[in-house]
Amino acid sequence: MANKVSNFSDLIQRVTSSCLLHPIGSNRHYAADDILSTDDDSDYEDDKVKPPKCYDAGEVEAPPPTVTEYKTEKNMVEMVTLMTEVFETVSFLKKAYVTLQEAHCPWDQDKMRSSDVAVVAELRKLGVLRERFRRSVVRVGGGGGESRRTVAGVTLREVVAPYEAAMEKMKNEVKSKEAEIENLKEKLNAATVVSSGGSVGRKSRSHSHHQSKKKVNYSSQLQVLPSPMPDLFEPCISSVKEGSKSFTSLLLSLMKSAHWDIAATVRSIEASTTSNPTTGTPAIRDSIVGPNHAKYALESYVNRKIFQGFDHETFYMDGSLSSLLNPNQFRTECFTQYRDMKSMDPIELLGILPTCQFGNFCSKKYLSIVHPKMEESLFGDLEQRSQVLAGNHPRTRFYGEFLVLAKAVWLLHLLAFSLDPPPTHFEGSRGAEFHPQFMESVVRFPGGKVAPGHVVGFPVSPGFKLGNGSIVKARVYVVPKSEL
């Protein structure tokens, strides 16, 4: 009997400690271990009707649990179950998020979609558990437990807040990706227009009617977009100049590495800039290019090749006359393509549409600039040329530098044909008098002014006269007149 009194005192002490350490609402509750454990000192192992017990003097029978204590124990069991579900849900959420990360590299669209659905499902389940917790706190706390409900609510919010923030971040990322997808779709449509060229007029009447309706709608949208301005032309020329210098420097370094005779190469380039032999112009015997100026002769060669056919709407790659048949629509399409291609990586565009008009332009100009003997001497084989002839575009540093220049010239061409009237281009011919208002010397002189008695040795890049009267100067290599 004394042993039972001792166990009862121990039980009271455990319950009191639990109430002090884990208060909920205004009522006390038992610890989870007390609720879920059984009394090993019970005289009976089942719930059969127990005979009346006799008590010694001083032993007091424990009072039966009140309604409040029963509800508290029940709510505690519910709370333990709820927290178990919360931890399980968080565990599943972590696993789903790890799977979502793994789907990014390597890219697996199906796995990413299913992982995303799993993450969202677990986050929603956490929201449901949060609401269950709030309802249970209100039910337990009653009217006097407002401060404890607030504390419990804040604690749960602190637990769930990081996942809510992660979900909001994912939503923002999804919106950003959707906007990027729409932008890429527009660029792809523009690239498709580039590849189709002037073929719209050759399609069937019904399809043409449908296309014309789309173009009318698209043109109405373009009316609110910026129109082509001559001010855009000079920055575009600067991009061409930078691309030309970069590609030429790489080409010259490869020639030196392959032990080319640079002086002979320069003389050959100078000879190609003279007038037609039938006019009686004598051949060049001595080079006029000064020391360390071979890069200007090589840049002249590259620009002459890549600008050839600039005055035609397709660089004479086909016989299109769209600029004459429907000039307003052609100008609008050129400016649309200019805006869409300006921010695109050329190698990515050609990876999607290798045989579009821009791709054909790159192939034609590369084969024109880099002839077979040159490529074999520089690289030891004709692999890049073979890929270009097959309609592909090599992913090499040399071809990548060429694409930067080709894109800049292509954008300049699109911008030129989007202006009304289109600009006219010119270049300084060999032996022509130097005019500072139309020409710019690539060789720097003291004080920035070309010394008297100098004439054009050879053109380096063309100049342009715009419809508003402004001039983009041609770049020339000047030499004393006595050296010609």
Protein backbone atom coordinates (compact mmCIF):
# COMPACT_ATOMS: atom_id res chain seq x y z
CA MET A 1 0.00 0.00 0.00
CA ALA A 2 2.87 2.35 0.79
CA ASN A 3 4.26 1.56 -2.68
CA LYS A 4 1.02 2.75 -4.35
CA VAL A 5 1.07 6.02 -2.40
CA SER A 6 4.62 6.57 -3.60
CA ASN A 7 3.61 5.94 -7.26
CA PHE A 8 0.70 8.33 -6.98
CA SER A 9 2.97 11.09 -5.62
CA ASP A 10 5.37 10.50 -8.46
CA LEU A 11 2.54 10.80 -10.99
CA ILE A 12 1.41 14.12 -9.45
CA GLN A 13 4.98 15.42 -9.63
CA ARG A 14 5.35 14.43 -13.32
CA VAL A 15 2.06 16.05 -14.30
CA THR A 16 2.93 19.25 -12.42
CA SER A 17 6.34 19.47 -14.10
CA SER A 18 4.75 18.95 -17.50
CA CYS A 19 2.21 21.75 -16.88
CA LEU A 20 4.94 24.14 -15.85
CA LEU A 21 7.18 23.33 -18.83
CA HIS A 22 4.52 23.00 -21.57
CA PRO A 23 1.50 25.19 -20.85
CA ILE A 24 -1.27 25.34 -23.45
CA GLY A 25 -4.21 27.68 -23.03
CA SER A 26 -5.38 28.12 -19.47
CA ASN A 27 -5.58 24.36 -18.70
CA ARG A 28 -2.87 21.96 -17.68
CA HIS A 29 -1.97 18.85 -19.67
CA TYR A 30 0.15 15.74 -19.38
CA ALA A 31 3.32 15.01 -21.17
CA ALA A 32 3.14 12.84 -24.24
CA ASP A 33 5.04 10.04 -22.54
CA ASP A 34 2.48 10.00 -19.71
CA ILE A 35 -0.45 9.91 -22.07
CA LEU A 36 0.91 7.15 -24.25
CA SER A 37 2.44 4.96 -21.50
CA THR A 38 0.65 2.37 -19.37
CA ASP A 39 0.83 1.82 -15.62
CA ASP A 40 2.97 -1.23 -15.00
CA ASP A 41 1.95 -1.29 -11.29
CA SER A 42 -1.74 -1.87 -11.98
CA ASP A 43 -3.21 -4.95 -10.27
CA TYR A 44 -5.21 -5.81 -13.40
CA GLU A 45 -4.08 -6.05 -17.02
CA ASP A 46 -7.51 -5.60 -18.64
CA ASP A 47 -10.60 -3.47 -18.24
CA LYS A 48 -12.70 -6.06 -16.36
CA VAL A 49 -14.83 -4.94 -13.48
CA LYS A 50 -12.48 -4.50 -10.59
CA PRO A 51 -13.49 -5.56 -7.03
CA PRO A 52 -13.74 -2.92 -4.39
CA LYS A 53 -10.42 -2.01 -2.88
CA CYS A 54 -9.61 -1.65 0.76
CA TYR A 55 -7.47 1.23 1.85
CA ASP A 56 -5.26 1.55 4.82
CA ALA A 57 -5.45 4.50 7.07
CA GLY A 58 -3.91 7.51 5.45
CA GLU A 59 -4.29 6.24 1.83
CA VAL A 60 -6.50 8.38 -0.38
CA GLU A 61 -8.02 7.17 -3.66
CA ALA A 62 -7.09 9.28 -6.70
CA PRO A 63 -10.09 11.27 -7.92
CA PRO A 64 -11.40 10.37 -11.38
CA PRO A 65 -10.20 12.69 -14.21
CA THR A 66 -12.40 15.71 -14.80
CA VAL A 67 -13.88 16.68 -18.18
CA THR A 68 -11.27 19.43 -18.60
CA GLU A 69 -8.40 17.03 -17.97
CA TYR A 70 -9.84 14.54 -20.46
CA LYS A 71 -10.11 17.22 -23.18
CA THR A 72 -6.59 18.38 -22.46
CA GLU A 73 -5.22 14.84 -22.84
CA LYS A 74 -7.16 14.39 -26.08
CA ASN A 75 -5.86 17.69 -27.49
CA MET A 76 -2.35 16.73 -26.52
CA VAL A 77 -2.63 13.51 -28.50
CA GLU A 78 -3.93 15.49 -31.45
CA MET A 79 -1.01 17.93 -31.11
CA VAL A 80 1.55 15.13 -31.10
CA THR A 81 -0.06 13.61 -34.20
CA LEU A 82 -0.13 17.03 -35.87
CA MET A 83 3.54 17.71 -35.23
CA THR A 84 4.43 14.26 -36.50
CA GLU A 85 2.63 15.06 -39.74
CA VAL A 86 4.41 18.43 -39.94
CA PHE A 87 7.84 16.80 -39.67
CA GLU A 88 6.91 14.15 -42.22
CA THR A 89 5.65 16.81 -44.62
CA VAL A 90 8.83 18.86 -44.23
CA SER A 91 10.89 15.74 -44.87
CA PHE A 92 8.96 14.98 -48.06
CA LEU A 93 9.28 18.64 -49.08
CA LYS A 94 13.05 18.50 -48.74
CA LYS A 95 13.21 15.33 -50.84
CA ALA A 96 10.98 16.87 -53.53
CA TYR A 97 13.08 20.03 -53.62
CA VAL A 98 16.31 18.03 -53.99
CA THR A 99 14.73 16.15 -56.90
CA LEU A 100 13.74 19.50 -58.41
CA GLN A 101 17.32 20.72 -58.19
CA GLU A 102 18.68 17.51 -59.73
CA ALA A 103 16.32 17.97 -62.69
CA HIS A 104 18.15 21.16 -63.68
CA CYS A 105 21.47 19.48 -64.51
CA PRO A 106 21.16 17.60 -66.74
CA TRP A 107 17.97 19.28 -67.90
CA ASP A 108 15.01 16.92 -67.54
CA GLN A 109 11.75 18.68 -68.29
CA ASP A 110 9.45 15.81 -67.27
CA LYS A 111 11.30 15.21 -64.01
CA MET A 112 11.25 18.93 -63.27
CA ARG A 113 7.51 19.16 -63.86
CA SER A 114 6.73 16.22 -61.55
CA SER A 115 9.11 17.52 -58.87
CA ASP A 116 7.55 20.96 -59.03
CA VAL A 117 4.10 19.44 -58.54
CA ALA A 118 5.40 17.48 -55.53
CA VAL A 119 6.94 20.57 -53.93
CA VAL A 120 3.74 22.57 -54.35
CA ALA A 121 1.67 19.69 -52.94
CA GLU A 122 3.81 19.49 -49.80
CA LEU A 123 3.66 23.26 -49.34
CA ARG A 124 -0.12 23.14 -49.58
CA LYS A 125 -0.20 20.32 -47.03
CA LEU A 126 1.86 22.47 -44.68
CA GLY A 127 -0.73 25.21 -45.06
CA VAL A 128 -3.50 22.79 -44.14
CA LEU A 129 -1.57 21.64 -41.07
CA ARG A 130 -1.06 25.25 -40.04
CA GLU A 131 -4.81 25.85 -40.10
CA ARG A 132 -5.41 22.69 -38.07
CA PHE A 133 -2.91 23.89 -35.50
CA ARG A 134 -4.56 27.30 -35.22
CA ARG A 135 -7.99 25.76 -34.73
CA SER A 136 -6.69 23.42 -32.04
CA VAL A 137 -5.04 26.30 -30.16
CA VAL A 138 -8.27 28.30 -30.20
CA ARG A 139 -10.23 25.27 -28.97
CA VAL A 140 -7.81 24.58 -26.14
CA GLY A 141 -7.13 28.16 -25.08
CA GLY A 142 -10.68 29.41 -24.86
CA GLY A 143 -11.25 33.06 -24.11
CA GLY A 144 -8.38 33.54 -21.70
CA GLY A 145 -5.60 32.14 -23.85
CA GLU A 146 -5.26 34.96 -26.37
CA SER A 147 -1.63 35.71 -25.53
CA ARG A 148 -0.68 32.03 -25.75
CA ARG A 149 -2.50 31.66 -29.09
CA THR A 150 -0.49 34.57 -30.39
CA VAL A 151 2.74 33.01 -29.21
CA ALA A 152 1.83 29.64 -30.72
CA GLY A 153 0.74 31.30 -33.97
CA VAL A 154 4.02 33.23 -34.23
CA THR A 155 6.01 30.06 -33.60
CA LEU A 156 4.23 28.19 -36.38
CA ARG A 157 4.55 31.16 -38.70
CA GLU A 158 8.26 31.18 -38.09
CA VAL A 159 8.39 27.52 -39.05
CA VAL A 160 6.30 27.89 -42.20
CA ALA A 161 7.56 31.35 -43.30
CA PRO A 162 10.71 30.08 -45.06
CA TYR A 163 8.66 27.68 -47.16
CA GLU A 164 6.15 30.38 -48.02
CA ALA A 165 9.00 32.65 -49.06
CA ALA A 166 10.46 29.83 -51.16
CA MET A 167 7.09 29.30 -52.82
CA GLU A 168 6.79 33.02 -53.63
CA LYS A 169 10.30 32.99 -55.04
CA MET A 170 9.41 30.01 -57.21
CA LYS A 171 6.31 31.79 -58.45
CA ASN A 172 8.41 34.81 -59.40
CA GLU A 173 10.93 32.58 -61.15
CA VAL A 174 8.11 30.90 -63.08
CA LYS A 175 6.81 34.29 -64.20
CA SER A 176 10.31 35.32 -65.23
CA LYS A 177 10.80 32.10 -67.19
CA GLU A 178 7.42 32.55 -68.88
CA ALA A 179 8.39 36.08 -69.93
CA GLU A 180 11.72 34.78 -71.23
CA ILE A 181 9.94 32.04 -73.17
CA GLU A 182 7.62 34.59 -74.78
CA ASN A 183 10.62 36.73 -75.71
CA LEU A 184 12.40 33.75 -77.27
CA LYS A 185 9.25 32.85 -79.20
CA GLU A 186 9.15 36.34 -80.66
CA LYS A 187 12.82 36.11 -81.59
CA LEU A 188 12.25 32.70 -83.17
CA ASN A 189 9.37 34.11 -85.20
CA ALA A 190 11.60 36.96 -86.31
CA ALA A 191 14.35 34.52 -87.26
CA THR A 192 11.79 32.50 -89.22
CA VAL A 193 10.89 35.66 -91.09
CA VAL A 194 14.59 36.13 -91.81
CA SER A 195 14.84 32.60 -93.22
CA SER A 196 11.68 32.93 -95.30
CA GLY A 197 12.73 36.27 -96.80
CA GLY A 198 10.40 37.44 -99.50
CA SER A 199 8.66 34.10 -99.94
CA VAL A 200 5.41 35.28 -98.35
CA GLY A 201 4.17 36.62 -101.65
CA ARG A 202 4.70 33.25 -103.31
CA LYS A 203 2.40 31.31 -100.98
CA SER A 204 -1.20 30.39 -101.67
CA ARG A 205 -3.87 33.07 -101.73
CA SER A 206 -5.69 31.83 -98.63
CA HIS A 207 -2.51 31.51 -96.60
CA SER A 208 -1.34 34.90 -97.86
CA HIS A 209 -4.60 36.42 -96.75
CA HIS A 210 -4.14 34.92 -93.29
CA GLN A 211 -0.54 36.11 -93.16
CA SER A 212 -1.54 39.59 -94.32
CA LYS A 213 -4.07 39.84 -91.47
CA LYS A 214 -1.35 38.89 -89.01
CA LYS A 215 1.03 41.42 -90.55
CA VAL A 216 -1.56 44.17 -90.33
CA ASN A 217 -2.05 43.45 -86.65
CA TYR A 218 1.68 43.29 -86.10
CA SER A 219 2.20 46.53 -87.99
CA SER A 220 -0.39 48.23 -85.83
CA GLN A 221 1.64 47.16 -82.80
CA LEU A 222 4.82 48.47 -84.38
CA GLN A 223 3.30 51.92 -84.67
CA VAL A 224 3.80 52.45 -80.94
CA LEU A 225 7.36 51.11 -81.03
CA PRO A 226 10.42 53.29 -81.68
CA SER A 227 10.98 54.04 -85.35
CA PRO A 228 14.38 53.72 -87.03
CA MET A 229 16.44 56.83 -86.42
CA PRO A 230 19.66 57.89 -88.17
CA ASP A 231 21.20 58.29 -84.71
CA LEU A 232 21.26 54.48 -84.42
CA PHE A 233 23.50 54.18 -87.45
CA GLU A 234 26.73 55.49 -85.95
CA PRO A 235 26.72 53.12 -82.91
CA CYS A 236 26.08 50.28 -85.35
CA ILE A 237 29.09 51.37 -87.42
CA SER A 238 31.16 51.36 -84.22
CA SER A 239 30.16 47.72 -83.60
CA VAL A 240 31.26 46.85 -87.13
CA LYS A 241 34.59 48.59 -86.58
CA GLU A 242 35.23 46.77 -83.29
CA GLY A 243 34.26 43.41 -84.78
CA SER A 244 36.49 44.02 -87.80
CA LYS A 245 39.49 44.92 -85.64
CA SER A 246 39.03 41.89 -83.38
CA PHE A 247 38.68 39.38 -86.23
CA THR A 248 41.58 40.92 -88.15
CA SER A 249 43.87 40.78 -85.11
CA LEU A 250 43.09 37.09 -84.61
CA LEU A 251 43.62 36.35 -88.30
CA LEU A 252 46.96 38.19 -88.32
CA SER A 253 48.19 36.35 -85.23
CA LEU A 254 47.28 33.00 -86.84
CA MET A 255 49.17 34.01 -89.99
CA LYS A 256 52.25 34.85 -87.95
CA SER A 257 51.98 31.56 -86.06
CA ALA A 258 51.80 29.73 -89.41
CA HIS A 259 54.95 31.61 -90.57
CA TRP A 260 53.26 33.51 -93.38
CA ASP A 261 55.20 36.10 -95.38
CA ILE A 262 53.23 39.07 -94.07
CA ALA A 263 54.94 41.55 -96.40
CA ALA A 264 53.99 39.47 -99.46
CA THR A 265 50.43 39.17 -98.16
CA VAL A 266 50.20 42.95 -97.75
CA ARG A 267 51.53 43.53 -101.28
CA SER A 268 48.90 41.15 -102.63
CA ILE A 269 46.15 43.03 -100.80
CA GLU A 270 47.43 46.38 -102.05
CA ALA A 271 47.47 45.10 -105.61
CA SER A 272 43.83 44.03 -105.32
CA THR A 273 42.82 47.59 -104.38
CA THR A 274 44.14 49.10 -107.65
CA SER A 275 41.90 49.88 -110.59
CA ASN A 276 41.06 47.43 -113.31
CA PRO A 277 44.21 46.28 -115.14
CA THR A 278 42.60 47.14 -118.48
CA THR A 279 42.76 50.83 -117.54
CA GLY A 280 46.53 50.71 -117.56
CA THR A 281 47.11 51.10 -113.84
CA PRO A 282 50.62 49.81 -113.13
CA ALA A 283 51.13 46.92 -110.73
CA ILE A 284 52.42 47.65 -107.22
CA ARG A 285 56.04 46.74 -106.76
CA ASP A 286 56.90 48.20 -103.36
CA SER A 287 54.58 48.16 -100.39
CA ILE A 288 53.34 51.49 -99.09
CA VAL A 289 52.35 50.02 -95.73
CA GLY A 290 54.60 51.14 -92.90
CA PRO A 291 56.01 48.97 -90.12
CA ASN A 292 53.39 47.41 -87.85
CA HIS A 293 50.61 48.54 -90.21
CA ALA A 294 49.89 45.18 -91.81
CA LYS A 295 46.72 44.96 -89.76
CA TYR A 296 45.20 47.85 -91.72
CA ALA A 297 45.84 46.13 -95.05
CA LEU A 298 44.33 42.89 -93.72
CA GLU A 299 41.31 44.77 -92.31
CA SER A 300 40.84 46.41 -95.72
CA TYR A 301 40.75 42.97 -97.33
CA VAL A 302 38.20 41.61 -94.81
CA ASN A 303 35.90 44.64 -95.06
CA ARG A 304 36.00 44.69 -98.86
CA LYS A 305 34.86 41.07 -98.92
CA ILE A 306 32.16 41.30 -96.27
CA PHE A 307 30.66 44.60 -97.54
CA GLN A 308 30.46 43.38 -101.12
CA GLY A 309 26.79 43.49 -102.19
CA PHE A 310 25.78 45.81 -99.33
CA ASP A 311 23.68 47.96 -101.68
CA HIS A 312 21.32 45.03 -102.43
CA GLU A 313 18.58 44.00 -100.01
CA THR A 314 19.93 40.42 -99.71
CA PHE A 315 23.61 40.95 -100.61
CA TYR A 316 22.73 39.46 -104.02
CA MET A 317 22.11 36.07 -102.45
CA ASP A 318 18.83 35.91 -104.39
CA GLY A 319 16.84 38.06 -106.78
CA SER A 320 14.36 39.43 -104.25
CA LEU A 321 12.78 42.81 -105.06
CA SER A 322 10.68 43.29 -101.92
CA SER A 323 12.22 46.70 -101.25
CA LEU A 324 10.86 47.89 -104.62
CA LEU A 325 7.51 46.09 -104.70
CA ASN A 326 6.41 46.99 -101.16
CA PRO A 327 8.96 49.43 -99.70
CA ASN A 328 7.02 50.44 -96.56
CA GLN A 329 6.40 46.86 -95.46
CA PHE A 330 9.99 45.90 -96.28
CA ARG A 331 11.37 48.76 -94.17
CA THR A 332 9.14 47.75 -91.26
CA GLU A 333 10.26 44.12 -91.47
CA CYS A 334 13.93 45.15 -91.64
CA PHE A 335 13.67 47.27 -88.51
CA THR A 336 11.75 44.53 -86.69
CA GLN A 337 14.50 42.03 -87.51
CA TYR A 338 17.12 44.56 -86.44
CA ARG A 339 15.51 45.00 -83.01
CA ASP A 340 15.01 41.27 -82.51
CA MET A 341 18.50 40.21 -83.57
CA LYS A 342 20.35 42.98 -81.77
CA SER A 343 20.44 41.16 -78.42
CA MET A 344 20.74 37.61 -79.80
CA ASP A 345 23.87 35.48 -79.73
CA PRO A 346 24.61 34.62 -83.37
CA ILE A 347 25.83 31.10 -82.63
CA GLU A 348 22.61 30.33 -80.70
CA LEU A 349 20.47 31.68 -83.54
CA LEU A 350 22.38 29.63 -86.13
CA GLY A 351 22.12 26.59 -83.89
CA ILE A 352 18.33 26.81 -84.28
CA LEU A 353 18.14 28.05 -87.89
CA PRO A 354 21.47 27.29 -89.57
CA THR A 355 20.16 27.90 -93.10
CA CYS A 356 18.23 31.13 -92.52
CA GLN A 357 19.15 34.21 -94.55
CA PHE A 358 21.65 35.33 -91.94
CA GLY A 359 23.15 31.83 -91.88
CA ASN A 360 23.50 31.83 -95.66
CA PHE A 361 25.13 35.27 -95.46
CA CYS A 362 27.67 34.01 -92.91
CA SER A 363 28.48 30.92 -94.97
CA LYS A 364 28.93 32.91 -98.17
CA LYS A 365 31.14 35.56 -96.60
CA TYR A 366 33.29 33.07 -94.68
CA LEU A 367 34.01 31.09 -97.84
CA SER A 368 34.82 34.35 -99.61
CA ILE A 369 37.23 35.64 -96.94
CA VAL A 370 38.95 32.37 -95.96
CA HIS A 371 39.91 30.47 -99.10
CA PRO A 372 40.95 26.78 -98.89
CA LYS A 373 44.71 27.31 -98.98
CA MET A 374 44.50 29.93 -96.25
CA GLU A 375 42.45 27.68 -93.94
CA GLU A 376 44.65 24.65 -94.54
CA SER A 377 47.74 26.73 -93.80
CA LEU A 378 46.28 28.24 -90.62
CA PHE A 379 44.63 25.14 -89.13
CA GLY A 380 46.24 22.19 -90.90
CA ASP A 381 42.96 20.92 -92.38
CA LEU A 382 39.72 22.03 -94.03
CA GLU A 383 37.36 20.86 -91.27
CA GLN A 384 35.71 24.25 -90.71
CA ARG A 385 35.24 24.80 -94.42
CA SER A 386 33.67 21.37 -94.79
CA GLN A 387 31.17 22.13 -92.03
CA VAL A 388 30.26 25.47 -93.60
CA LEU A 389 29.79 23.87 -97.02
CA ALA A 390 27.50 21.29 -95.37
CA GLY A 391 25.28 24.09 -94.03
CA ASN A 392 26.61 24.01 -90.46
CA HIS A 393 28.43 26.60 -88.38
CA PRO A 394 31.54 25.47 -86.44
CA ARG A 395 31.79 26.27 -82.75
CA THR A 396 35.41 27.40 -82.87
CA ARG A 397 37.01 30.57 -81.61
CA PHE A 398 37.99 31.67 -85.11
CA TYR A 399 34.52 31.17 -86.56
CA GLY A 400 32.98 32.73 -83.45
CA GLU A 401 35.02 35.93 -83.97
CA PHE A 402 33.92 35.95 -87.60
CA LEU A 403 30.26 35.64 -86.54
CA VAL A 404 30.59 38.73 -84.32
CA LEU A 405 31.70 40.75 -87.35
CA ALA A 406 29.10 39.15 -89.63
CA LYS A 407 26.27 39.93 -87.21
CA ALA A 408 27.39 43.58 -86.89
CA VAL A 409 27.44 43.99 -90.70
CA TRP A 410 24.07 42.23 -91.02
CA LEU A 411 22.48 44.53 -88.42
CA LEU A 412 23.97 47.56 -90.19
CA HIS A 413 22.46 46.32 -93.43
CA LEU A 414 19.02 45.83 -91.84
CA LEU A 415 19.15 49.28 -90.29
CA ALA A 416 20.22 50.86 -93.58
CA PHE A 417 17.25 49.34 -95.44
CA SER A 418 14.83 50.34 -92.67
CA LEU A 419 15.62 54.05 -93.15
CA ASP A 420 13.79 56.25 -95.65
CA PRO A 421 15.66 57.25 -97.71
CA PRO A 422 18.32 54.55 -97.30
CA PRO A 423 21.89 55.77 -96.79
CA THR A 424 24.43 55.68 -99.57
CA HIS A 425 27.89 54.28 -98.94
CA PHE A 426 31.24 55.34 -100.39
CA GLU A 427 34.91 54.62 -99.90
CA GLY A 428 38.16 56.43 -100.55
CA SER A 429 39.86 55.04 -103.64
CA ARG A 430 43.59 54.71 -104.02
CA GLY A 431 45.29 58.01 -104.86
CA ALA A 432 42.23 60.12 -103.99
CA GLU A 433 42.75 63.40 -102.17
CA PHE A 434 42.12 63.19 -98.46
CA HIS A 435 38.95 65.06 -97.38
CA PRO A 436 38.63 65.30 -93.58
CA GLN A 437 34.86 65.91 -93.75
CA PHE A 438 34.37 62.55 -95.50
CA MET A 439 37.40 60.52 -94.41
CA GLU A 440 39.17 59.40 -91.25
CA SER A 441 42.78 58.27 -91.23
CA VAL A 442 43.55 55.04 -89.39
CA VAL A 443 47.12 56.28 -88.96
CA ARG A 444 47.38 58.89 -86.25
CA PHE A 445 49.28 62.11 -86.88
CA PRO A 446 50.66 64.58 -84.33
CA GLY A 447 47.91 66.99 -83.38
CA GLY A 448 45.26 64.67 -84.86
CA LYS A 449 45.40 66.32 -88.28
CA VAL A 450 46.64 64.65 -91.47
CA ALA A 451 49.75 66.34 -92.77
CA PRO A 452 49.47 68.15 -96.12
CA GLY A 453 50.49 66.26 -99.22
CA HIS A 454 48.95 62.94 -98.10
CA VAL A 455 46.53 60.95 -100.23
CA VAL A 456 44.57 57.74 -99.84
CA GLY A 457 46.80 54.69 -100.04
CA PHE A 458 43.87 52.21 -99.82
CA PRO A 459 40.38 52.14 -98.25
CA VAL A 460 39.96 50.37 -94.91
CA SER A 461 36.17 50.56 -94.38
CA PRO A 462 33.35 52.35 -96.22
CA GLY A 463 31.59 55.54 -95.15
CA PHE A 464 27.90 56.43 -95.36
CA LYS A 465 25.84 59.49 -96.16
CA LEU A 466 22.48 59.44 -94.38
CA GLY A 467 19.20 60.92 -95.58
CA ASN A 468 19.34 63.72 -93.00
CA GLY A 469 22.65 64.90 -94.44
CA SER A 470 24.92 63.52 -91.70
CA ILE A 471 28.10 61.73 -92.68
CA VAL A 472 29.70 58.60 -91.25
CA LYS A 473 33.32 58.96 -92.32
CA ALA A 474 35.13 56.33 -94.37
CA ARG A 475 38.31 54.96 -92.83
CA VAL A 476 41.37 55.13 -95.07
CA TYR A 477 45.09 54.51 -94.94
CA VAL A 478 46.91 57.66 -96.04
CA VAL A 479 50.45 57.94 -97.38
CA PRO A 480 52.54 60.75 -98.85
CA LYS A 481 51.60 61.36 -102.47
CA SER A 482 55.20 60.81 -103.51
CA GLU A 483 55.06 57.15 -102.43
CA LEU A 484 52.33 56.20 -104.93
